[in-house]
Amino acid sequence: MTPSKILFYFCLSFIVGIFINSAISAQGGSAYGWEIPQIFLRAFLFFGVLLIFISLTLSMRSHKQTKLFAMAGFCVLFLVIGILRHQISEFYILNNELSKLNNKGEVVLIGTVTGEPDVRDTFQKLKVRTEKPDGIILVTVGRYPEYKYLDKIKITGKLETPQEFEDFNYKNYLLKDGIYSVMGFPKIELIDDEKKYSVGQRIYSGILFFKQKLRESIRKNYSPPQSLILEGTVLGDNGVMSQDLKNKLNITGLRHVIAVSGTHVVILGAILMSFLLALGLWRGQAFYISIIFIWLYIILTGLPASGTRAGIMGSLFLLAQKLGRQSMGSRVIAMAGAVMLFINPLLLFYDVGFQLSFLAVMGIIYLEPFIKDFLKIFIKKKSENLAGIISTTLAAQIFTLPIMVYNFGNVSFISPVTNILVLPIVSWLMIFGFLSSILGVASQFLGWIVSIPCWFLLAYFVKIIDIFSKPWAIKTIENIHWIWLIVFYLILGAIARWLQKNQKLKILK
């Protein structure tokens, strides 16, 4: 067994440990409901150490059995480490000093705006890091006055625990970002708008300033809904999008295109890689261009945490494609997932973007080659790039569909068709969108010139949405039990394994 495969099993065991403790905690109604008793953890630890000890005693007899017992023992230990890592995060949540002030009357806090304000039509949300006690709160304020990154403010209001709605657990959604308290429309006093930058803050502030300029450039050269779609596609902004447009995107299964989502970044990277290879570039050249494009996109969206995680997953997937080894790709993704979960174990259950990134990559790695081979029967050799786009889209959507249905309760019957029709133009839409918005910052005329081809692409996008956004195209499914997710992915994994095995047999023949 190779070292990379051994490390893969260790990472997988760690992820399973986090999953087990997350599932048990969730049964208690939150991220810190129930927990595995320490006596069971000690028993597991003892069992793992016992297996390793047995492997040492067998080392002189059977080399194969020695490896088997040692591997099993270390996997048990990593599973326990995963459980403990999640329990440590629960401990910090329970003992957070700021959250102890929730629902206890009016408080006065001083803090700093730590991210780009989420501006909506009638209000804005500010992520504020407070000084004493230290913590992060999400503050909802009026649309005006506008606040900016690094504004130091004095807040007077009532801290509250985030609500848990019947169809959406807002509390758990915020937990993954370290937010345990919210405050609605408090009294705010700007006490210091003089920016005292560190190097990192200076760079991030510059990115946000440039993003605002791009946003203004887009709004000058495009009108709604084209401007809203382009802001979402290029800048990851969808806060100001109309509810009607959101509903149409949900019905057609194209919402992931107008967001910095894991699925969007992974599919975009895969399509871009296939497109560059079709142009005749070497695999290495296509890889580096695709990586630069993806991270330029993530930077222009303001480096949100979800986008950064999606960028990491997408980059690692492209690295796996560059290496040209399917098994290596899955191992790299599993290792990256383990590292991210070690940093923040709450991502596994409460960050849908993380789940979609991981599953989209696994779908493309394990299903895409077989779907592409099947499509080649019907598609001419000259259209191999089209086959690559279709197979990439279908593979990612098959693997992510159960999670989408479980979390959002909607199944779009028309989604495969609309994605096949739209995704081929997304790369061009982003390229012309980038160019027109960037040139528009320097010269409105140059921005307008480049916006012409982009406008036709957007008009096509809007037409597809209007044609296919019919009530019959979507079905709402409620109250799906998590056990069906496990059943589906076990079946899907068995199918992927069977296809992989048949492919190996064909190669041997």
Protein backbone atom coordinates (compact mmCIF):
# COMPACT_ATOMS: atom_id res chain seq x y z
CA MET A 1 0.00 0.00 0.00
CA THR A 2 1.44 3.35 -1.06
CA PRO A 3 1.99 6.19 1.46
CA SER A 4 -0.61 8.36 -0.34
CA LYS A 5 -3.22 5.61 -0.02
CA ILE A 6 -2.44 5.14 3.68
CA LEU A 7 -2.78 8.89 4.26
CA PHE A 8 -6.05 8.81 2.31
CA TYR A 9 -7.52 6.21 4.69
CA PHE A 10 -6.35 8.19 7.72
CA CYS A 11 -7.99 11.37 6.38
CA LEU A 12 -11.17 9.46 5.56
CA SER A 13 -11.28 8.05 9.11
CA PHE A 14 -10.84 11.56 10.53
CA ILE A 15 -13.72 12.85 8.37
CA VAL A 16 -15.93 9.92 9.45
CA GLY A 17 -15.16 10.76 13.09
CA ILE A 18 -16.32 14.35 12.58
CA PHE A 19 -19.40 13.08 10.74
CA ILE A 20 -20.35 10.70 13.56
CA ASN A 21 -20.10 13.34 16.29
CA SER A 22 -21.85 15.94 14.08
CA ALA A 23 -24.73 13.53 13.43
CA ILE A 24 -25.11 12.68 17.11
CA SER A 25 -24.97 16.37 18.09
CA ALA A 26 -27.56 17.23 15.44
CA GLN A 27 -29.96 14.71 16.96
CA GLY A 28 -30.01 16.98 20.02
CA GLY A 29 -31.31 19.81 17.84
CA SER A 30 -28.13 21.85 17.30
CA ALA A 31 -24.39 21.70 16.80
CA TYR A 32 -23.98 21.05 20.51
CA GLY A 33 -27.02 18.98 21.44
CA TRP A 34 -25.80 15.52 22.40
CA GLU A 35 -22.28 14.10 22.52
CA ILE A 36 -20.55 10.74 22.67
CA PRO A 37 -19.73 9.84 26.30
CA GLN A 38 -16.04 9.93 27.17
CA ILE A 39 -16.12 6.29 28.32
CA PHE A 40 -16.88 5.21 24.74
CA LEU A 41 -14.05 7.34 23.38
CA ARG A 42 -11.65 5.74 25.85
CA ALA A 43 -12.88 2.32 24.75
CA PHE A 44 -12.26 3.21 21.09
CA LEU A 45 -8.80 4.51 21.93
CA PHE A 46 -8.01 1.31 23.82
CA PHE A 47 -9.27 -0.76 20.88
CA GLY A 48 -7.11 1.19 18.40
CA VAL A 49 -4.00 0.85 20.56
CA LEU A 50 -4.77 -2.87 21.02
CA LEU A 51 -4.89 -3.41 17.26
CA ILE A 52 -1.55 -1.64 16.84
CA PHE A 53 -0.08 -3.76 19.67
CA ILE A 54 -1.37 -6.94 17.97
CA SER A 55 0.28 -5.84 14.72
CA LEU A 56 3.59 -5.51 16.55
CA THR A 57 3.30 -9.01 18.00
CA LEU A 58 2.50 -10.43 14.55
CA SER A 59 5.36 -8.60 12.82
CA MET A 60 7.59 -11.66 13.01
CA ARG A 61 4.94 -14.03 11.58
CA SER A 62 2.82 -12.48 8.85
CA HIS A 63 3.76 -9.28 7.10
CA LYS A 64 0.28 -9.00 5.55
CA GLN A 65 -1.58 -9.40 8.85
CA THR A 66 0.79 -6.92 10.49
CA LYS A 67 -0.15 -4.25 7.96
CA LEU A 68 -3.85 -5.03 8.26
CA PHE A 69 -3.98 -4.74 12.07
CA ALA A 70 -1.73 -1.64 12.12
CA MET A 71 -3.84 0.06 9.46
CA ALA A 72 -7.09 -0.72 11.29
CA GLY A 73 -5.62 0.48 14.61
CA PHE A 74 -4.46 3.83 13.24
CA CYS A 75 -7.77 4.34 11.40
CA VAL A 76 -9.60 3.90 14.73
CA LEU A 77 -7.27 6.44 16.33
CA PHE A 78 -7.89 9.00 13.56
CA LEU A 79 -11.64 8.41 13.88
CA VAL A 80 -11.40 9.24 17.60
CA ILE A 81 -9.32 12.33 16.78
CA GLY A 82 -12.11 13.48 14.44
CA ILE A 83 -14.71 13.02 17.19
CA LEU A 84 -12.55 14.92 19.69
CA ARG A 85 -11.90 17.76 17.23
CA HIS A 86 -15.63 18.30 16.79
CA GLN A 87 -16.22 18.14 20.53
CA ILE A 88 -13.52 20.79 21.10
CA SER A 89 -15.37 23.13 18.72
CA GLU A 90 -18.58 22.46 20.67
CA PHE A 91 -16.78 23.32 23.91
CA TYR A 92 -15.70 26.72 22.56
CA ILE A 93 -19.25 27.45 21.38
CA LEU A 94 -20.74 26.63 24.78
CA ASN A 95 -18.17 28.77 26.58
CA ASN A 96 -18.25 31.79 24.29
CA GLU A 97 -18.38 34.89 26.52
CA LEU A 98 -20.23 37.06 24.00
CA SER A 99 -23.07 34.57 23.46
CA LYS A 100 -23.70 34.53 27.25
CA LEU A 101 -25.05 38.09 26.83
CA ASN A 102 -27.78 36.89 24.43
CA ASN A 103 -31.37 37.76 25.38
CA LYS A 104 -30.30 39.61 28.55
CA GLY A 105 -31.24 43.18 27.82
CA GLU A 106 -29.46 46.10 26.20
CA VAL A 107 -25.66 46.05 25.89
CA VAL A 108 -23.06 48.51 24.62
CA LEU A 109 -20.28 47.05 22.47
CA ILE A 110 -17.35 48.48 20.52
CA GLY A 111 -16.16 46.62 17.46
CA THR A 112 -14.80 46.73 13.92
CA VAL A 113 -16.53 45.81 10.66
CA THR A 114 -14.52 42.77 9.56
CA GLY A 115 -15.89 42.10 6.10
CA GLU A 116 -17.69 43.60 3.14
CA PRO A 117 -21.19 44.77 4.19
CA ASP A 118 -24.00 42.68 2.70
CA VAL A 119 -26.13 45.44 1.20
CA ARG A 120 -29.78 44.72 0.31
CA ASP A 121 -32.62 46.96 -0.94
CA THR A 122 -33.77 48.24 2.45
CA PHE A 123 -31.07 47.11 4.91
CA GLN A 124 -27.51 45.92 5.24
CA LYS A 125 -25.80 43.26 7.35
CA LEU A 126 -22.49 43.95 9.05
CA LYS A 127 -20.14 41.34 10.44
CA VAL A 128 -18.58 43.00 13.49
CA ARG A 129 -15.76 41.74 15.69
CA THR A 130 -16.22 43.11 19.19
CA GLU A 131 -13.40 44.02 21.57
CA LYS A 132 -14.75 43.19 25.05
CA PRO A 133 -15.88 40.48 25.16
CA ASP A 134 -14.14 39.22 22.04
CA GLY A 135 -16.40 37.66 19.43
CA ILE A 136 -18.23 38.15 16.14
CA ILE A 137 -21.82 39.34 15.81
CA LEU A 138 -24.04 39.87 12.79
CA VAL A 139 -25.69 43.29 12.92
CA THR A 140 -28.66 44.27 10.77
CA VAL A 141 -28.92 48.04 10.16
CA GLY A 142 -30.77 50.38 7.83
CA ARG A 143 -29.71 50.88 4.23
CA TYR A 144 -28.19 54.26 5.11
CA PRO A 145 -25.74 55.47 6.26
CA GLU A 146 -23.37 53.09 4.48
CA TYR A 147 -20.60 51.42 6.46
CA LYS A 148 -17.31 50.08 5.17
CA TYR A 149 -14.75 47.45 5.96
CA LEU A 150 -12.67 48.36 9.07
CA ASP A 151 -15.09 51.05 10.30
CA LYS A 152 -14.88 51.13 14.11
CA ILE A 153 -18.35 51.50 15.61
CA LYS A 154 -20.13 51.69 18.96
CA ILE A 155 -23.26 49.52 19.06
CA THR A 156 -26.10 49.86 21.56
CA GLY A 157 -28.81 47.22 21.35
CA LYS A 158 -30.00 43.79 22.38
CA LEU A 159 -28.00 40.66 21.53
CA GLU A 160 -30.12 37.70 20.48
CA THR A 161 -29.54 34.04 19.70
CA PRO A 162 -30.11 33.37 15.96
CA GLN A 163 -33.52 31.85 15.28
CA GLU A 164 -34.27 28.29 14.25
CA PHE A 165 -37.05 28.33 11.65
CA GLU A 166 -39.12 25.31 10.68
CA ASP A 167 -37.56 25.02 7.22
CA PHE A 168 -34.19 26.65 7.93
CA ASN A 169 -31.88 26.54 10.95
CA TYR A 170 -30.37 30.03 10.83
CA LYS A 171 -28.52 29.37 14.10
CA ASN A 172 -26.55 26.45 12.68
CA TYR A 173 -25.97 28.33 9.41
CA LEU A 174 -24.14 31.09 11.32
CA LEU A 175 -22.29 28.71 13.66
CA LYS A 176 -19.86 27.64 10.93
CA ASP A 177 -18.69 31.26 10.63
CA GLY A 178 -18.15 31.63 14.38
CA ILE A 179 -21.26 33.81 14.81
CA TYR A 180 -23.37 32.97 17.86
CA SER A 181 -25.15 36.32 18.34
CA VAL A 182 -27.17 38.71 16.17
CA MET A 183 -28.44 42.22 16.74
CA GLY A 184 -31.28 43.88 14.86
CA PHE A 185 -31.32 47.63 14.11
CA PRO A 186 -29.30 48.89 17.08
CA LYS A 187 -28.13 52.43 17.71
CA ILE A 188 -24.76 52.84 15.96
CA GLU A 189 -22.13 55.52 16.39
CA LEU A 190 -19.12 55.71 14.08
CA ILE A 191 -16.29 56.39 16.50
CA ASP A 192 -13.29 55.88 14.26
CA ASP A 193 -13.21 55.79 10.47
CA GLU A 194 -9.45 56.26 10.26
CA LYS A 195 -8.15 53.05 8.79
CA LYS A 196 -5.09 51.62 10.54
CA TYR A 197 -4.20 48.91 8.09
CA SER A 198 -2.05 45.86 8.48
CA VAL A 199 -0.59 44.59 5.19
CA GLY A 200 -3.34 41.96 4.82
CA GLN A 201 -6.07 44.47 5.64
CA ARG A 202 -4.64 46.94 3.15
CA ILE A 203 -4.72 44.33 0.38
CA TYR A 204 -8.26 43.21 1.26
CA SER A 205 -9.48 46.80 1.49
CA GLY A 206 -8.03 47.45 -1.97
CA ILE A 207 -9.84 44.39 -3.33
CA LEU A 208 -13.17 45.57 -1.92
CA PHE A 209 -12.61 49.08 -3.31
CA PHE A 210 -11.87 47.65 -6.76
CA LYS A 211 -14.91 45.37 -6.52
CA GLN A 212 -17.12 48.40 -5.84
CA LYS A 213 -15.71 50.14 -8.92
CA LEU A 214 -16.47 47.04 -11.02
CA ARG A 215 -20.01 46.98 -9.62
CA GLU A 216 -20.51 50.63 -10.60
CA SER A 217 -19.09 49.91 -14.07
CA ILE A 218 -21.51 47.02 -14.62
CA ARG A 219 -24.51 49.12 -13.57
CA LYS A 220 -23.52 51.87 -16.02
CA ASN A 221 -23.35 49.56 -19.05
CA TYR A 222 -26.17 47.10 -18.30
CA SER A 223 -29.73 47.34 -17.06
CA PRO A 224 -31.67 44.75 -15.01
CA PRO A 225 -31.97 41.81 -15.23
CA GLN A 226 -28.74 41.62 -17.27
CA SER A 227 -26.83 43.73 -14.74
CA LEU A 228 -28.04 41.55 -11.84
CA ILE A 229 -27.02 38.35 -13.62
CA LEU A 230 -23.59 39.76 -14.47
CA GLU A 231 -23.02 41.01 -10.91
CA GLY A 232 -23.82 37.53 -9.66
CA THR A 233 -21.73 35.73 -12.27
CA VAL A 234 -18.67 37.99 -12.14
CA LEU A 235 -18.75 39.42 -8.61
CA GLY A 236 -20.77 36.81 -6.72
CA ASP A 237 -23.36 39.45 -5.70
CA ASN A 238 -26.95 38.24 -5.45
CA GLY A 239 -28.24 40.21 -2.47
CA VAL A 240 -29.99 42.83 -4.60
CA MET A 241 -31.45 40.28 -7.01
CA SER A 242 -35.23 40.38 -7.31
CA GLN A 243 -37.21 37.51 -5.82
CA ASP A 244 -38.80 36.85 -9.20
CA LEU A 245 -35.39 36.31 -10.81
CA LYS A 246 -34.30 34.07 -7.91
CA ASN A 247 -37.42 31.93 -8.35
CA LYS A 248 -36.79 31.56 -12.07
CA LEU A 249 -33.17 30.55 -11.47
CA ASN A 250 -34.31 27.98 -8.88
CA ILE A 251 -36.89 26.51 -11.27
CA THR A 252 -34.36 26.19 -14.10
CA GLY A 253 -31.59 24.87 -11.81
CA LEU A 254 -29.25 27.73 -12.74
CA ARG A 255 -28.97 29.40 -9.33
CA HIS A 256 -25.45 28.00 -8.85
CA VAL A 257 -24.25 30.05 -11.84
CA ILE A 258 -25.20 33.31 -10.08
CA ALA A 259 -23.22 32.59 -6.91
CA VAL A 260 -19.73 31.89 -5.63
CA SER A 261 -20.66 28.26 -5.07
CA GLY A 262 -18.50 25.17 -4.95
CA THR A 263 -20.44 23.59 -7.80
CA HIS A 264 -20.07 26.72 -9.92
CA VAL A 265 -16.30 27.00 -9.40
CA VAL A 266 -15.65 23.29 -9.97
CA ILE A 267 -17.77 23.11 -13.13
CA LEU A 268 -16.29 26.36 -14.41
CA GLY A 269 -12.74 25.08 -13.83
CA ALA A 270 -13.47 21.75 -15.52
CA ILE A 271 -15.09 23.40 -18.55
CA LEU A 272 -12.28 25.93 -18.85
CA MET A 273 -9.69 23.15 -18.68
CA SER A 274 -11.49 21.15 -21.41
CA PHE A 275 -11.90 24.26 -23.55
CA LEU A 276 -8.20 25.15 -23.36
CA LEU A 277 -7.18 21.58 -24.15
CA ALA A 278 -9.52 21.64 -27.15
CA LEU A 279 -7.72 24.77 -28.37
CA GLY A 280 -4.51 22.74 -28.51
CA LEU A 281 -2.78 23.85 -25.31
CA TRP A 282 -0.71 21.38 -23.34
CA ARG A 283 -2.24 20.05 -20.14
CA GLY A 284 0.25 22.02 -18.04
CA GLN A 285 -0.49 25.28 -19.85
CA ALA A 286 -4.27 24.76 -19.55
CA PHE A 287 -3.86 24.01 -15.85
CA TYR A 288 -1.98 27.21 -15.02
CA ILE A 289 -4.32 29.43 -17.07
CA SER A 290 -7.38 27.84 -15.44
CA ILE A 291 -5.90 28.28 -11.94
CA ILE A 292 -5.13 31.96 -12.60
CA PHE A 293 -8.66 32.52 -13.96
CA ILE A 294 -10.34 30.82 -10.99
CA TRP A 295 -8.38 32.78 -8.39
CA LEU A 296 -8.85 36.04 -10.27
CA TYR A 297 -12.57 35.29 -10.05
CA ILE A 298 -12.39 34.51 -6.31
CA ILE A 299 -10.40 37.70 -5.65
CA LEU A 300 -12.83 39.88 -7.61
CA THR A 301 -15.73 38.48 -5.59
CA GLY A 302 -14.02 39.81 -2.46
CA LEU A 303 -12.43 36.59 -1.18
CA PRO A 304 -15.49 35.35 0.75
CA ALA A 305 -14.84 32.33 2.96
CA SER A 306 -17.20 30.15 0.91
CA GLY A 307 -15.57 31.28 -2.32
CA THR A 308 -12.07 30.64 -0.98
CA ARG A 309 -13.03 27.09 0.03
CA ALA A 310 -14.61 26.55 -3.38
CA GLY A 311 -11.45 27.91 -5.04
CA ILE A 312 -9.26 25.50 -3.08
CA MET A 313 -11.46 22.54 -4.06
CA GLY A 314 -11.56 23.65 -7.69
CA SER A 315 -7.79 24.16 -7.81
CA LEU A 316 -7.10 20.75 -6.31
CA PHE A 317 -9.47 19.18 -8.82
CA LEU A 318 -7.60 20.83 -11.68
CA LEU A 319 -4.34 19.60 -10.14
CA ALA A 320 -5.75 16.07 -10.19
CA GLN A 321 -6.65 16.53 -13.88
CA LYS A 322 -3.13 17.78 -14.58
CA LEU A 323 -1.68 14.70 -12.90
CA GLY A 324 -4.03 12.62 -15.02
CA ARG A 325 -4.69 10.06 -12.27
CA GLN A 326 -8.22 9.44 -11.02
CA SER A 327 -7.17 7.74 -7.78
CA MET A 328 -4.70 10.52 -6.97
CA GLY A 329 -7.44 13.09 -7.51
CA SER A 330 -9.79 11.56 -4.95
CA ARG A 331 -6.94 11.26 -2.44
CA VAL A 332 -5.92 14.89 -2.84
CA ILE A 333 -9.52 16.06 -2.39
CA ALA A 334 -9.99 13.87 0.72
CA MET A 335 -6.77 15.24 2.24
CA ALA A 336 -7.82 18.82 1.52
CA GLY A 337 -11.25 18.16 3.02
CA ALA A 338 -9.65 16.74 6.17
CA VAL A 339 -7.42 19.82 6.56
CA MET A 340 -10.39 22.19 6.14
CA LEU A 341 -12.43 20.21 8.66
CA PHE A 342 -9.56 20.17 11.12
CA ILE A 343 -9.59 23.98 10.97
CA ASN A 344 -13.40 24.19 11.14
CA PRO A 345 -15.23 20.87 11.78
CA LEU A 346 -18.65 22.56 11.59
CA LEU A 347 -18.30 22.85 7.80
CA LEU A 348 -19.20 19.21 7.26
CA PHE A 349 -22.81 19.53 8.45
CA TYR A 350 -23.59 23.24 8.24
CA ASP A 351 -21.83 24.51 5.11
CA VAL A 352 -23.79 23.38 2.06
CA GLY A 353 -21.18 25.04 -0.17
CA PHE A 354 -18.45 22.81 1.27
CA GLN A 355 -20.60 19.73 0.71
CA LEU A 356 -21.40 20.72 -2.88
CA SER A 357 -17.75 21.49 -3.68
CA PHE A 358 -16.62 18.12 -2.39
CA LEU A 359 -19.39 16.14 -4.09
CA ALA A 360 -19.14 17.99 -7.42
CA VAL A 361 -15.42 17.17 -7.58
CA MET A 362 -16.00 13.51 -6.70
CA GLY A 363 -18.75 13.29 -9.32
CA ILE A 364 -16.52 14.68 -12.05
CA ILE A 365 -13.64 12.41 -11.03
CA TYR A 366 -15.66 9.19 -10.90
CA LEU A 367 -18.58 9.66 -13.32
CA GLU A 368 -17.51 12.21 -15.94
CA PRO A 369 -15.16 9.88 -17.93
CA PHE A 370 -17.92 7.26 -18.37
CA ILE A 371 -20.60 9.79 -19.32
CA LYS A 372 -18.20 11.34 -21.82
CA ASP A 373 -17.42 7.96 -23.40
CA PHE A 374 -21.15 7.27 -23.71
CA LEU A 375 -21.80 10.68 -25.32
CA LYS A 376 -19.05 10.10 -27.89
CA ILE A 377 -21.30 7.49 -29.47
CA PHE A 378 -23.73 10.25 -30.45
CA ILE A 379 -21.43 13.27 -30.75
CA LYS A 380 -18.94 13.68 -33.56
CA LYS A 381 -15.22 13.86 -32.83
CA LYS A 382 -15.13 17.54 -33.78
CA SER A 383 -17.57 18.26 -30.93
CA GLU A 384 -15.59 16.58 -28.15
CA ASN A 385 -15.48 19.88 -26.25
CA LEU A 386 -19.29 19.91 -26.17
CA ALA A 387 -19.26 16.32 -24.91
CA GLY A 388 -16.86 17.41 -22.16
CA ILE A 389 -19.15 20.27 -21.08
CA ILE A 390 -22.24 18.05 -21.01
CA SER A 391 -20.52 15.18 -19.19
CA THR A 392 -18.96 17.52 -16.62
CA THR A 393 -22.31 19.16 -15.92
CA LEU A 394 -24.24 15.91 -15.61
CA ALA A 395 -21.62 14.22 -13.41
CA ALA A 396 -21.49 17.15 -10.98
CA GLN A 397 -25.29 17.45 -10.86
CA ILE A 398 -25.86 13.72 -10.26
CA PHE A 399 -23.53 13.76 -7.25
CA THR A 400 -24.91 17.02 -5.80
CA LEU A 401 -28.64 16.47 -6.47
CA PRO A 402 -29.46 14.62 -3.19
CA ILE A 403 -27.79 17.33 -1.06
CA MET A 404 -29.63 20.05 -3.00
CA VAL A 405 -32.98 18.30 -2.51
CA TYR A 406 -32.29 17.56 1.17
CA ASN A 407 -31.34 21.17 1.97
CA PHE A 408 -33.65 23.12 -0.33
CA GLY A 409 -36.48 20.64 -1.03
CA ASN A 410 -36.65 21.35 -4.76
CA VAL A 411 -36.04 19.11 -7.77
CA SER A 412 -35.69 20.88 -11.11
CA PHE A 413 -36.68 18.46 -13.88
CA ILE A 414 -35.42 20.84 -16.53
CA SER A 415 -32.02 21.49 -14.87
CA PRO A 416 -29.92 19.11 -17.05
CA VAL A 417 -31.28 20.73 -20.22
CA THR A 418 -30.87 24.34 -19.06
CA ASN A 419 -27.36 23.70 -17.76
CA ILE A 420 -26.31 22.14 -21.06
CA LEU A 421 -27.73 25.17 -22.89
CA VAL A 422 -26.19 27.78 -20.58
CA LEU A 423 -22.88 26.44 -19.27
CA PRO A 424 -21.09 26.56 -22.68
CA ILE A 425 -21.47 30.35 -22.67
CA VAL A 426 -20.59 30.92 -18.99
CA SER A 427 -16.83 31.04 -19.63
CA TRP A 428 -17.33 33.60 -22.43
CA LEU A 429 -19.83 35.49 -20.31
CA MET A 430 -17.30 35.79 -17.51
CA ILE A 431 -14.47 36.76 -19.87
CA PHE A 432 -16.43 39.51 -21.60
CA GLY A 433 -18.02 40.49 -18.29
CA PHE A 434 -14.59 40.88 -16.68
CA LEU A 435 -13.25 42.86 -19.63
CA SER A 436 -16.24 45.18 -19.96
CA SER A 437 -16.37 45.92 -16.23
CA ILE A 438 -12.59 46.41 -15.89
CA LEU A 439 -12.34 48.58 -19.01
CA GLY A 440 -15.45 50.46 -17.86
CA VAL A 441 -13.58 51.56 -14.72
CA ALA A 442 -11.00 53.32 -16.93
CA SER A 443 -13.31 54.43 -19.74
CA GLN A 444 -17.08 54.13 -19.99
CA PHE A 445 -16.82 54.09 -23.82
CA LEU A 446 -14.38 51.16 -23.87
CA GLY A 447 -16.53 49.33 -21.37
CA TRP A 448 -19.59 49.91 -23.57
CA ILE A 449 -17.81 48.58 -26.69
CA VAL A 450 -16.81 45.31 -25.00
CA SER A 451 -20.22 45.04 -23.34
CA ILE A 452 -21.93 44.51 -26.72
CA PRO A 453 -20.99 40.81 -27.16
CA CYS A 454 -21.59 40.29 -23.44
CA TRP A 455 -25.07 41.79 -23.80
CA PHE A 456 -25.99 39.21 -26.46
CA LEU A 457 -24.78 36.40 -24.19
CA LEU A 458 -26.83 37.81 -21.31
CA ALA A 459 -29.89 38.18 -23.56
CA TYR A 460 -29.54 34.49 -24.47
CA PHE A 461 -29.20 33.58 -20.77
CA VAL A 462 -32.33 35.57 -19.86
CA LYS A 463 -34.27 33.99 -22.76
CA ILE A 464 -33.41 30.48 -21.58
CA ILE A 465 -34.57 31.39 -18.08
CA ASP A 466 -37.85 32.86 -19.35
CA ILE A 467 -38.61 29.89 -21.64
CA PHE A 468 -37.94 27.13 -19.11
CA SER A 469 -39.06 28.72 -15.82
CA LYS A 470 -42.48 27.05 -15.83
CA PRO A 471 -44.30 25.77 -12.72
CA TRP A 472 -44.27 22.16 -14.00
CA ALA A 473 -40.45 22.20 -14.23
CA ILE A 474 -39.90 22.01 -10.46
CA LYS A 475 -41.15 19.70 -7.74
CA THR A 476 -41.01 20.44 -4.01
CA ILE A 477 -40.10 17.47 -1.79
CA GLU A 478 -40.29 18.00 1.95
CA ASN A 479 -39.13 16.16 5.07
CA ILE A 480 -36.53 13.90 3.48
CA HIS A 481 -34.82 11.78 6.11
CA TRP A 482 -31.03 11.85 6.13
CA ILE A 483 -30.95 8.03 5.87
CA TRP A 484 -31.99 8.35 2.21
CA LEU A 485 -28.90 10.44 1.55
CA ILE A 486 -26.69 7.63 2.83
CA VAL A 487 -28.62 5.04 0.79
CA PHE A 488 -28.33 7.13 -2.38
CA TYR A 489 -24.59 7.72 -2.02
CA LEU A 490 -23.93 4.07 -1.19
CA ILE A 491 -25.72 3.06 -4.39
CA LEU A 492 -23.97 5.79 -6.36
CA GLY A 493 -20.60 4.73 -4.95
CA ALA A 494 -21.28 1.10 -5.87
CA ILE A 495 -22.20 2.12 -9.45
CA ALA A 496 -19.06 4.26 -9.79
CA ARG A 497 -16.95 1.39 -8.42
CA TRP A 498 -18.54 -1.06 -10.86
CA LEU A 499 -17.93 1.25 -13.82
CA GLN A 500 -14.34 1.77 -12.75
CA LYS A 501 -13.77 -1.97 -12.41
CA ASN A 502 -15.26 -2.66 -15.87
CA GLN A 503 -13.05 0.04 -17.35
CA LYS A 504 -9.95 -1.62 -15.88
CA LEU A 505 -11.03 -4.99 -17.30
CA LYS A 506 -11.44 -3.44 -20.77
CA ILE A 507 -7.94 -1.97 -20.58
CA LEU A 508 -6.48 -5.36 -19.58
CA LYS A 509 -8.18 -7.05 -22.54
